[in-house]
């Protein structure tokens, strides 16, 4: 496995989703992630459903390939340990409300003193300036405030959230990109520093041409249900059985599509001559297409349309998607065990380098699972660790926790 970030140590103070998603991507590329959690229950996501036998699947979905150290951040001993970890790290990641690091005793000046070469990656709700900079931001709130919900739904007047916390996830991606850029800059002689993004900045950048339409034309885009907002035919269409997605994106594809569906006269129909015509007369075009598609089931149409070079596919639920042949061929689902020996399938990261896909080397950690190991690497004795644990300054996972074999792809 290629690991371009091997040798990079990341102190991960983040919780919930945006920050942990960022550090999961860094871990996929070989960085050592030391997840430093609070003695007050650790990452809040550990308490979030869905659960399997007491394990949070929310937490497990984004905390692969990480170690866990559990400290009392606000005790003198906890701050001293954290300071030592930061001093020896390359990167610090956090997604606290602004000012939280300062309250913990780690303002920017202290971080600079501890580690002048440290890259600090931060994800906030609303950014580092402006009237909302100190407000907490959550995914759905930002989806609403960014305009994302205004273009999602069955039609004009509706507003739906995206079915996954897309702003958290993409903010984590953007933060990871910024961190890697800063590390590369340091290698090229640039001075590393603070890399920051916010849920609002990321969400607005997701607007692409919809946001540009609002900027340039002063028009607020409306939701188009399962239709592409500007291209037709491009969307979900009924067949004799279940609906399928079809995307006709060029004139060549349009002519091939009409021939395939047995409606050659549509090519010369004045309502459908150009892409703009087809978009303007979308409803009439959809009716014509669905009459033709009603002649065959989805299972027959998908290969026929795909073989004609027109993007087309079934509409799966997640169980169907994860069980598909293509997902299996990519080795996206990897199987291993939790520390208690229970089975744990996980999705690997989405990157492949030179034909080698990222791997899950070990499962999400128990709270404090690596506290003793990492502190003893730093020179503490077992007696020191035991005393601090007894005093409530840190948490170690039970010594009886089982260590599973390396996870691997099911092919």
Protein backbone atom coordinates (compact mmCIF):
# COMPACT_ATOMS: atom_id res chain seq x y z
CA UNK A 1 0.00 0.00 0.00
CA UNK A 2 1.34 3.42 -1.00
CA UNK A 3 1.29 5.79 1.96
CA UNK A 4 2.45 9.25 0.87
CA UNK A 5 1.80 10.71 4.34
CA UNK A 6 3.80 8.07 6.20
CA UNK A 7 5.84 9.80 8.91
CA UNK A 8 3.30 12.61 9.38
CA UNK A 9 1.76 12.72 12.87
CA UNK A 10 -1.62 14.38 13.34
CA UNK A 11 -3.08 15.34 16.71
CA UNK A 12 -6.82 15.10 16.19
CA UNK A 13 -8.88 17.13 18.67
CA UNK A 14 -11.97 17.09 16.45
CA UNK A 15 -15.28 15.41 17.10
CA UNK A 16 -18.59 14.60 15.41
CA UNK A 17 -18.11 14.47 11.62
CA UNK A 18 -16.30 17.25 9.70
CA UNK A 19 -12.98 16.99 11.57
CA UNK A 20 -12.99 13.20 11.94
CA UNK A 21 -13.77 12.83 8.23
CA UNK A 22 -10.76 15.03 7.48
CA UNK A 23 -8.42 12.97 9.65
CA UNK A 24 -9.81 9.68 8.29
CA UNK A 25 -8.72 10.80 4.82
CA UNK A 26 -5.26 11.71 6.15
CA UNK A 27 -5.06 8.31 7.87
CA UNK A 28 -5.97 6.59 4.60
CA UNK A 29 -2.83 8.12 3.09
CA UNK A 30 -0.58 6.86 5.87
CA UNK A 31 -0.58 9.66 8.46
CA UNK A 32 -0.50 8.59 12.10
CA UNK A 33 -3.66 9.97 13.72
CA UNK A 34 -3.61 10.39 17.50
CA UNK A 35 -7.19 11.15 18.41
CA UNK A 36 -7.09 13.03 21.73
CA UNK A 37 -10.45 12.80 23.47
CA UNK A 38 -11.94 14.19 26.65
CA UNK A 39 -12.39 12.10 29.78
CA UNK A 40 -16.03 13.28 29.73
CA UNK A 41 -17.14 10.60 27.28
CA UNK A 42 -14.74 11.33 24.45
CA UNK A 43 -15.89 12.27 20.98
CA UNK A 44 -19.60 13.17 21.24
CA UNK A 45 -20.30 10.92 18.25
CA UNK A 46 -19.59 7.90 20.46
CA UNK A 47 -23.03 8.55 22.01
CA UNK A 48 -24.90 8.95 18.71
CA UNK A 49 -27.03 6.29 17.01
CA UNK A 50 -27.34 4.06 15.12
CA UNK A 51 -25.89 1.48 17.53
CA UNK A 52 -24.88 -2.14 17.12
CA UNK A 53 -24.39 -3.96 20.43
CA UNK A 54 -23.50 -0.68 22.12
CA UNK A 55 -21.10 0.48 19.40
CA UNK A 56 -21.90 3.78 17.67
CA UNK A 57 -21.94 3.17 13.93
CA UNK A 58 -21.89 6.94 13.44
CA UNK A 59 -18.53 7.10 15.21
CA UNK A 60 -17.15 3.97 13.58
CA UNK A 61 -17.94 5.20 10.06
CA UNK A 62 -15.26 7.94 10.15
CA UNK A 63 -12.66 6.86 12.72
CA UNK A 64 -10.80 4.04 10.97
CA UNK A 65 -7.00 3.80 11.27
CA UNK A 66 -6.73 6.05 14.35
CA UNK A 67 -5.36 5.77 17.89
CA UNK A 68 -7.22 7.15 20.92
CA UNK A 69 -5.69 8.98 23.88
CA UNK A 70 -8.15 10.15 26.54
CA UNK A 71 -7.23 13.13 28.76
CA UNK A 72 -8.67 15.72 31.10
CA UNK A 73 -7.95 18.74 28.88
CA UNK A 74 -8.45 21.24 31.67
CA UNK A 75 -6.17 19.69 34.28
CA UNK A 76 -2.53 20.72 34.56
CA UNK A 77 -1.43 17.16 33.86
CA UNK A 78 -3.73 16.85 30.83
CA UNK A 79 -2.53 20.14 29.36
CA UNK A 80 1.08 19.12 29.87
CA UNK A 81 0.57 15.82 28.07
CA UNK A 82 -1.31 17.51 25.22
CA UNK A 83 1.44 20.13 24.92
CA UNK A 84 4.02 17.37 24.55
CA UNK A 85 1.97 15.63 21.88
CA UNK A 86 1.55 18.88 19.95
CA UNK A 87 5.24 19.67 20.20
CA UNK A 88 6.14 16.43 18.45
CA UNK A 89 3.38 16.52 15.80
CA UNK A 90 3.22 17.84 12.26
CA UNK A 91 -0.48 18.72 12.22
CA UNK A 92 -3.22 19.66 14.69
CA UNK A 93 -6.87 19.33 13.61
CA UNK A 94 -9.79 20.82 15.54
CA UNK A 95 -13.40 21.79 14.87
CA UNK A 96 -14.27 23.49 18.16
CA UNK A 97 -16.22 26.70 18.43
CA UNK A 98 -13.85 29.67 18.03
CA UNK A 99 -12.03 30.38 21.29
CA UNK A 100 -12.13 26.84 22.65
CA UNK A 101 -8.44 26.15 22.07
CA UNK A 102 -7.64 29.37 23.92
CA UNK A 103 -9.77 28.24 26.88
CA UNK A 104 -7.85 24.98 26.91
CA UNK A 105 -4.61 26.96 27.23
CA UNK A 106 -3.49 26.75 23.61
CA UNK A 107 -3.84 30.12 21.90
CA UNK A 108 -1.99 30.64 18.61
CA UNK A 109 1.02 32.10 20.44
CA UNK A 110 1.32 28.99 22.62
CA UNK A 111 1.07 26.67 19.61
CA UNK A 112 3.78 28.70 17.87
CA UNK A 113 5.97 28.45 20.94
CA UNK A 114 5.46 24.69 21.22
CA UNK A 115 5.92 23.90 17.53
CA UNK A 116 6.81 26.62 15.01
CA UNK A 117 6.39 24.17 12.13
CA UNK A 118 2.89 23.01 13.14
CA UNK A 119 0.10 23.04 10.57
CA UNK A 120 -3.23 23.75 12.28
CA UNK A 121 -6.36 22.65 10.43
CA UNK A 122 -9.65 24.12 11.64
CA UNK A 123 -13.28 23.71 10.60
CA UNK A 124 -15.75 26.25 11.99
CA UNK A 125 -19.40 26.93 11.32
CA UNK A 126 -19.24 30.40 9.80
CA UNK A 127 -15.57 31.32 9.33
CA UNK A 128 -13.03 33.40 11.20
CA UNK A 129 -14.62 36.83 10.80
CA UNK A 130 -18.02 38.45 10.48
CA UNK A 131 -21.07 38.77 12.77
CA UNK A 132 -21.65 35.00 12.98
CA UNK A 133 -18.04 33.90 13.56
CA UNK A 134 -18.69 32.90 17.18
CA UNK A 135 -21.94 31.04 16.47
CA UNK A 136 -22.16 27.26 16.44
CA UNK A 137 -22.88 25.88 12.99
CA UNK A 138 -24.44 22.51 12.25
CA UNK A 139 -24.86 20.81 8.90
CA UNK A 140 -28.60 21.29 8.40
CA UNK A 141 -28.52 24.88 9.62
CA UNK A 142 -25.80 25.64 7.08
CA UNK A 143 -27.61 23.74 4.33
CA UNK A 144 -30.50 26.14 4.90
CA UNK A 145 -28.43 29.32 5.19
CA UNK A 146 -26.23 28.55 2.16
CA UNK A 147 -29.08 28.04 -0.31
CA UNK A 148 -28.41 24.32 -0.65
CA UNK A 149 -31.84 23.35 0.69
CA UNK A 150 -33.51 25.86 -1.64
CA UNK A 151 -32.53 23.83 -4.71
CA UNK A 152 -33.31 20.43 -3.17
CA UNK A 153 -36.84 19.04 -3.21
CA UNK A 154 -39.68 17.99 -5.52
CA UNK A 155 -40.33 21.41 -7.02
CA UNK A 156 -40.65 25.18 -6.52
CA UNK A 157 -41.61 26.17 -2.99
CA UNK A 158 -40.05 23.09 -1.38
CA UNK A 159 -36.81 22.87 0.57
CA UNK A 160 -35.23 19.56 1.56
CA UNK A 161 -31.98 18.78 3.30
CA UNK A 162 -29.60 16.44 1.50
CA UNK A 163 -30.03 12.94 2.94
CA UNK A 164 -26.49 12.78 4.34
CA UNK A 165 -24.62 15.57 6.22
CA UNK A 166 -23.01 16.63 2.97
CA UNK A 167 -21.63 19.95 4.26
CA UNK A 168 -19.82 18.30 7.18
CA UNK A 169 -18.37 15.66 4.88
CA UNK A 170 -17.18 18.04 2.17
CA UNK A 171 -15.81 20.48 4.76
CA UNK A 172 -13.68 17.62 6.05
CA UNK A 173 -12.47 16.95 2.52
CA UNK A 174 -11.59 20.61 1.99
CA UNK A 175 -9.72 20.79 5.30
CA UNK A 176 -7.72 17.67 4.40
CA UNK A 177 -6.84 19.24 1.04
CA UNK A 178 -5.71 22.42 2.79
CA UNK A 179 -3.56 20.49 5.27
CA UNK A 180 -1.82 18.50 2.55
CA UNK A 181 -1.28 21.75 0.60
CA UNK A 182 0.34 23.33 3.69
CA UNK A 183 2.56 20.29 4.22
CA UNK A 184 3.64 20.41 0.58
CA UNK A 185 4.27 24.15 0.89
CA UNK A 186 6.48 23.55 3.92
CA UNK A 187 8.51 21.06 1.92
CA UNK A 188 8.95 23.75 -0.73
CA UNK A 189 10.11 26.34 1.80
CA UNK A 190 6.78 27.98 2.60
CA UNK A 191 6.09 28.60 6.27
CA UNK A 192 3.19 26.42 7.44
CA UNK A 193 0.42 27.97 9.45
CA UNK A 194 -3.30 27.82 10.04
CA UNK A 195 -5.52 26.15 7.46
CA UNK A 196 -9.17 26.93 7.98
CA UNK A 197 -12.48 26.41 6.28
CA UNK A 198 -16.06 26.68 7.45
CA UNK A 199 -19.29 24.87 6.78
CA UNK A 200 -20.71 28.03 5.21
CA UNK A 201 -17.77 28.55 2.85
CA UNK A 202 -17.82 24.92 1.75
CA UNK A 203 -21.60 24.82 1.28
CA UNK A 204 -21.61 27.95 -0.87
CA UNK A 205 -18.79 26.56 -2.99
CA UNK A 206 -20.95 23.49 -3.61
CA UNK A 207 -23.45 25.75 -5.39
CA UNK A 208 -21.38 25.72 -8.63
CA UNK A 209 -23.52 26.96 -11.56
CA UNK A 210 -26.58 27.42 -9.35
CA UNK A 211 -24.73 29.99 -7.27
CA UNK A 212 -23.29 31.57 -10.40
CA UNK A 213 -26.81 31.96 -11.79
CA UNK A 214 -27.81 33.85 -8.66
CA UNK A 215 -24.67 36.01 -8.81
CA UNK A 216 -24.77 36.86 -12.51
CA UNK A 217 -28.48 36.93 -13.31
CA UNK A 218 -29.98 37.80 -9.95
CA UNK A 219 -32.28 34.78 -10.23
CA UNK A 220 -32.82 32.33 -7.38
CA UNK A 221 -32.71 28.75 -8.73
CA UNK A 222 -35.63 26.54 -7.74
CA UNK A 223 -35.59 22.80 -7.00
CA UNK A 224 -36.28 20.52 -9.97
CA UNK A 225 -37.02 17.30 -8.13
CA UNK A 226 -35.07 14.48 -9.76
CA UNK A 227 -34.49 16.42 -12.98
CA UNK A 228 -31.23 18.13 -13.84
CA UNK A 229 -31.84 21.86 -13.41
CA UNK A 230 -30.64 22.83 -16.91
CA UNK A 231 -30.13 19.69 -19.06
CA UNK A 232 -32.88 17.48 -20.54
CA UNK A 233 -33.48 14.61 -20.75
CA UNK A 234 -31.45 14.13 -17.60
CA UNK A 235 -33.12 12.69 -14.52
CA UNK A 236 -35.27 9.87 -13.21
CA UNK A 237 -37.64 8.14 -15.62
CA UNK A 238 -40.31 5.44 -15.11
CA UNK A 239 -40.05 2.13 -16.94
CA UNK A 240 -42.35 -0.90 -17.02
CA UNK A 241 -40.99 -1.74 -13.56
CA UNK A 242 -38.91 0.60 -11.37
CA UNK A 243 -37.55 4.00 -12.34
CA UNK A 244 -34.01 4.51 -13.62
CA UNK A 245 -31.64 7.46 -14.02
CA UNK A 246 -30.74 8.55 -17.56
CA UNK A 247 -28.41 11.41 -18.50
CA UNK A 248 -28.43 12.54 -22.13
CA UNK A 249 -25.73 15.19 -22.22
CA UNK A 250 -24.86 15.75 -25.89
CA UNK A 251 -26.46 15.99 -29.32
CA UNK A 252 -24.84 12.70 -30.33
CA UNK A 253 -26.32 10.98 -27.28
CA UNK A 254 -29.71 12.58 -27.95
CA UNK A 255 -29.89 11.17 -31.48
CA UNK A 256 -28.75 7.73 -30.30
CA UNK A 257 -31.28 7.82 -27.46
CA UNK A 258 -34.18 8.64 -29.79
CA UNK A 259 -33.22 5.76 -32.10
CA UNK A 260 -32.88 3.34 -29.20
CA UNK A 261 -36.29 4.21 -27.79
CA UNK A 262 -37.98 4.00 -31.19
CA UNK A 263 -38.91 7.68 -31.39
CA UNK A 264 -36.82 8.97 -34.33
CA UNK A 265 -39.24 11.79 -35.11
CA UNK A 266 -38.36 13.44 -31.79
CA UNK A 267 -35.03 14.49 -33.30
CA UNK A 268 -36.88 16.78 -35.75
CA UNK A 269 -39.66 17.85 -33.39
CA UNK A 270 -39.39 21.66 -33.05
CA UNK A 271 -39.95 21.35 -29.29
CA UNK A 272 -36.78 19.30 -28.90
CA UNK A 273 -34.32 20.51 -31.58
CA UNK A 274 -31.73 22.02 -29.22
CA UNK A 275 -30.72 21.40 -25.65
CA UNK A 276 -32.42 24.65 -24.65
CA UNK A 277 -35.62 23.53 -26.41
CA UNK A 278 -35.58 20.20 -24.61
CA UNK A 279 -35.07 21.89 -21.25
CA UNK A 280 -37.89 24.38 -21.91
CA UNK A 281 -40.27 21.56 -22.91
CA UNK A 282 -39.11 19.08 -20.31
CA UNK A 283 -42.56 17.87 -19.23
CA UNK A 284 -43.69 16.98 -22.77
CA UNK A 285 -40.34 15.29 -23.42
CA UNK A 286 -40.54 13.23 -20.21
CA UNK A 287 -44.04 12.04 -21.12
CA UNK A 288 -42.84 10.93 -24.56
CA UNK A 289 -39.80 9.13 -23.11
CA UNK A 290 -41.73 7.33 -20.40
CA UNK A 291 -44.27 6.02 -22.92
CA UNK A 292 -41.37 4.44 -24.81
CA UNK A 293 -39.69 3.16 -21.64
CA UNK A 294 -42.93 1.48 -20.49
CA UNK A 295 -42.33 -1.24 -23.11
CA UNK A 296 -39.52 -2.89 -21.11
CA UNK A 297 -38.47 -3.42 -17.49
CA UNK A 298 -35.62 -1.46 -15.94
CA UNK A 299 -33.39 -4.54 -15.95
CA UNK A 300 -33.50 -4.56 -19.77
CA UNK A 301 -33.29 -0.82 -20.37
CA UNK A 302 -30.21 -0.16 -18.22
CA UNK A 303 -27.77 -2.35 -20.23
CA UNK A 304 -29.29 -1.28 -23.57
CA UNK A 305 -28.94 2.43 -22.85
CA UNK A 306 -25.52 2.05 -21.21
CA UNK A 307 -24.16 0.06 -24.16
CA UNK A 308 -25.21 2.94 -26.42
CA UNK A 309 -22.78 5.17 -24.52
CA UNK A 310 -25.49 7.04 -22.61
CA UNK A 311 -25.03 7.26 -18.81
CA UNK A 312 -27.79 5.23 -17.19
CA UNK A 313 -28.26 3.26 -14.01
CA UNK A 314 -30.66 1.78 -11.47
CA UNK A 315 -31.69 3.59 -8.31
CA UNK A 316 -30.41 1.57 -5.36
CA UNK A 317 -30.90 1.82 -1.66
CA UNK A 318 -27.70 1.56 0.39
CA UNK A 319 -28.07 -2.19 0.96
CA UNK A 320 -28.32 -2.75 -2.79
CA UNK A 321 -25.49 -0.31 -3.55
CA UNK A 322 -23.09 -1.91 -1.08
CA UNK A 323 -23.90 -5.38 -2.42
CA UNK A 324 -23.35 -4.44 -6.07
CA UNK A 325 -20.77 -6.17 -8.26
CA UNK A 326 -18.94 -2.90 -8.95
CA UNK A 327 -18.52 -2.13 -5.25
CA UNK A 328 -17.18 -5.65 -4.71
CA UNK A 329 -14.76 -5.29 -7.64
CA UNK A 330 -13.39 -2.07 -6.15
CA UNK A 331 -12.93 -3.69 -2.73
CA UNK A 332 -14.77 -0.78 -1.13
CA UNK A 333 -16.16 -2.88 1.72
CA UNK A 334 -13.49 -4.24 4.03
CA UNK A 335 -14.17 -6.76 6.77
CA UNK A 336 -12.58 -7.06 10.16
CA UNK A 337 -13.35 -7.18 13.87
CA UNK A 338 -13.88 -4.74 16.67
CA UNK A 339 -11.73 -5.04 19.79
CA UNK A 340 -14.39 -7.26 21.36
CA UNK A 341 -14.22 -9.69 18.43
CA UNK A 342 -17.54 -8.70 16.85
CA UNK A 343 -17.53 -8.39 13.05
CA UNK A 344 -17.20 -4.90 11.60
CA UNK A 345 -17.54 -4.18 7.87
CA UNK A 346 -16.36 -0.70 6.92
CA UNK A 347 -16.07 1.37 3.77
CA UNK A 348 -12.47 2.12 2.88
CA UNK A 349 -11.41 5.59 1.81
CA UNK A 350 -12.15 6.71 -1.76
CA UNK A 351 -8.59 7.11 -3.08
CA UNK A 352 -6.44 4.80 -5.21
CA UNK A 353 -2.76 5.57 -5.94
CA UNK A 354 -0.98 3.81 -8.80
CA UNK A 355 -3.60 1.10 -8.75
CA UNK A 356 -3.38 0.50 -5.00
CA UNK A 357 -6.50 1.37 -3.04
CA UNK A 358 -6.44 2.76 0.46
CA UNK A 359 -6.81 0.17 3.21
CA UNK A 360 -8.29 -0.07 6.67
CA UNK A 361 -5.40 -1.35 8.74
CA UNK A 362 -7.17 -1.32 12.09
CA UNK A 363 -10.69 -0.55 13.31
CA UNK A 364 -11.96 2.56 15.11
CA UNK A 365 -10.41 2.77 18.58
CA UNK A 366 -12.02 2.28 21.94
CA UNK A 367 -12.02 5.39 24.08
CA UNK A 368 -8.49 5.68 25.49
CA UNK A 369 -7.37 2.45 23.86
CA UNK A 370 -3.88 3.79 23.13
CA UNK A 371 -3.47 6.16 26.07
CA UNK A 372 -0.94 4.01 27.92
CA UNK A 373 0.96 2.99 24.78
CA UNK A 374 1.43 6.52 23.47
CA UNK A 375 2.25 8.08 26.83
CA UNK A 376 4.81 5.38 27.55
CA UNK A 377 6.33 6.02 24.12
CA UNK A 378 6.83 9.57 25.38
CA UNK A 379 8.72 8.42 28.46
CA UNK A 380 6.01 7.93 31.08
CA UNK A 381 6.16 4.83 33.24
CA UNK A 382 3.27 2.47 33.71
CA UNK A 383 3.08 3.68 37.32
CA UNK A 384 2.69 7.27 36.08
CA UNK A 385 -0.12 6.28 33.75
CA UNK A 386 -1.86 4.22 36.44
CA UNK A 387 -1.67 7.08 38.94
CA UNK A 388 -3.08 9.63 36.50
CA UNK A 389 -5.87 7.26 35.56
CA UNK A 390 -6.69 6.72 39.22
CA UNK A 391 -6.82 10.51 39.70
CA UNK A 392 -9.21 10.90 36.76
CA UNK A 393 -6.72 12.78 34.57
CA UNK A 394 -6.84 10.20 31.79
CA UNK A 395 -8.69 7.08 30.66
CA UNK A 396 -7.19 3.83 29.42
CA UNK A 397 -9.23 1.15 27.64
CA UNK A 398 -9.55 -2.15 29.52
CA UNK A 399 -6.40 -4.22 29.23
CA UNK A 400 -8.54 -7.19 28.23
CA UNK A 401 -9.62 -5.49 25.01
CA UNK A 402 -9.00 -7.86 22.16
CA UNK A 403 -6.73 -6.77 19.32
CA UNK A 404 -8.17 -7.93 15.96
CA UNK A 405 -6.28 -8.91 12.87
CA UNK A 406 -5.76 -6.35 10.11
CA UNK A 407 -8.93 -5.57 8.24
CA UNK A 408 -9.08 -6.38 4.54
CA UNK A 409 -11.21 -6.04 1.45
CA UNK A 410 -13.80 -8.61 0.51
CA UNK A 411 -13.32 -9.27 -3.19
